[in-house]
Amino acid sequence: MTLIFRSTLKTSLDEQAQDELNQTFVAVKGFLRIPGDADLVWILDRSDPDDNKILARIQGIEMISDSNGVVLEGSNTYKSLGFDSADYVRQVLSNPIQPVWHEKRDPSGVKYLIRSSYVVNESRTRKIYVAIGISLAPNNKLLTSFNWLVLALIPLAVVIGMATGWAVAGRALEPVMAIARAAQRISGSNLSLRIPERKAADELEYLVETFNDMISRLEQSFIQVRQFSTDVSHELRTPITIVRGQLEVALFTAQTTEQYRDAIVVALGDVERLSAIVRALLLLSQAESGQVVLQLQPLDLCETARNITEQFEIPAEGAGVEISFHTRPGNCTGEFDRVQIERMLSNLISNAVKFTPPGGLVRVHVSRVGDQCEIVVEDTGQGIPPEHLPHIFDRFYRVRGMEEQASPEKGLGLGLSFVNWIVKAHSGTIEVKSEQGKGTTFTVRLPFRPHLPNVSNSTHESVMKAV
């Protein structure tokens, strides 16, 4: 049984290391450009801390060379492991795009898992060998600790087994065997499996509950990954098809420089839309996985909402919509993330203005209700059909027909997803009521937090640039 646990743990750690390297290689393909015969260019926003963090992870253990094994870029850590030979590079480049895995040791004996593959330039005329690695020291340390833990527990288990008898020992170990059998059956397509509870207030019952909770979290993570992949595939298909169509038309029909230029301008517009979608998706995925941490600071929600409302006065006037702000006396100051709250208000007010016809009204109400701040954004616009209300906070969800009536430029369908995350991240609630032809009302309730003097006052500039 112990060997089963150790084997399962080792397999899980190995798969985790491979998954991390696969994700890092995807980032390499997204950031690395090969414009010339020997040049490498990393395309990223140097002012974006997330981009810098990803690049640092890539360049921590890396080797990039041409097809002859000439090193174009390599980290000191990889150099200590020994750069791959030219023969090995050519062998990897001659294989299909499937990665090649191997292990290396540094001079101190620490193991590293290496993923070797290649990328090609845009014209597909040149292959560049890329090897990235990850240290296996934490995994080996965990396995060693597991071994020592097992060795320490075996004598105790023997004593308990001898004292309680074979019958009691067999009955006590049955739940553990169930956990081991369940662990063997669990896979990416079978995460709904759970271990039956014994209804006994003992350590094994706690272990069963902990194991089931862990599987539930893994299942939710797999669902999010699958949903994210589906959303990306669906949303990127249209812009990519448009870009390809424009370029193909230009390739076969354009005869003048001006015609080629027009096609390139249209294609670049759709490429920029693709970039915006990718940035927004990455940020939303990071937010939902807990990688975006709220930067709490004292904030007056009444004053903040008033400022955001004033920013929309000119766009509202241009659209023929009257916008107003209302508040009741009361202290609306608490601990909130300024950037996220401003994003939430901007999305709600922007949607209200966009979907309200000329002559309509948009009202923003902010007031303190007990230990909560209530923010209400209501409009006299088109309204949302009842069948769409349960889905408006889903990623990429748009009410069919409303985008076309509101504006020729469609949004990404991510604004309300961010609003929903921001409200939940502040432990708040959001409600929506709508009636077709009369308007829509969003009600946000955020609990006031006590002042936290040590909370960072920094803000996430990358959040504001993502959508």
Foldseek 3Di string as FASTA:
>chain_A
DLVLVLVLLLVVVVVVFVVVVVVLVVQCQVQWADDDDQDIGGDDDPVAVVNVVSVCQQQQAKFKAFQQQHTSHGHPVNVQQPRDHSVVSNVQAVDPQDWDWDWTAGPVGWIKIKTWGWDAHPVRPTIMIMIGIDTCVVVVVVSVVSVVVVVVCVVVLVVVPVVVDDVVSVVVCVLVVVLSVVSVPDDLVPLVDARDAPPDPDPSNVVSVVSNVVSVVVNVVSVVVVVLVVLLVVLLPVLVVLLVVLVVCCVPPPDDPVSVVVSVVVNVVSVVVNQLLVLQSVVLVCLVVVVDAAQWDKDFLLVLLVVLQVVCCVVLVVQQEAEEEEEDDDGRIFIGRSVLSSLLSNLLQVVQSLQAHHPKYWYWYWYDDPQKIKIKIKIQGFWAPPVCVVPLLPFQDDRPPRQVVRDPDHDRSHSSVSNCSRLVSQVKDWDKDTDGNGIIMIMIIGGGDHGDVPRHNDHNPSVVVSD
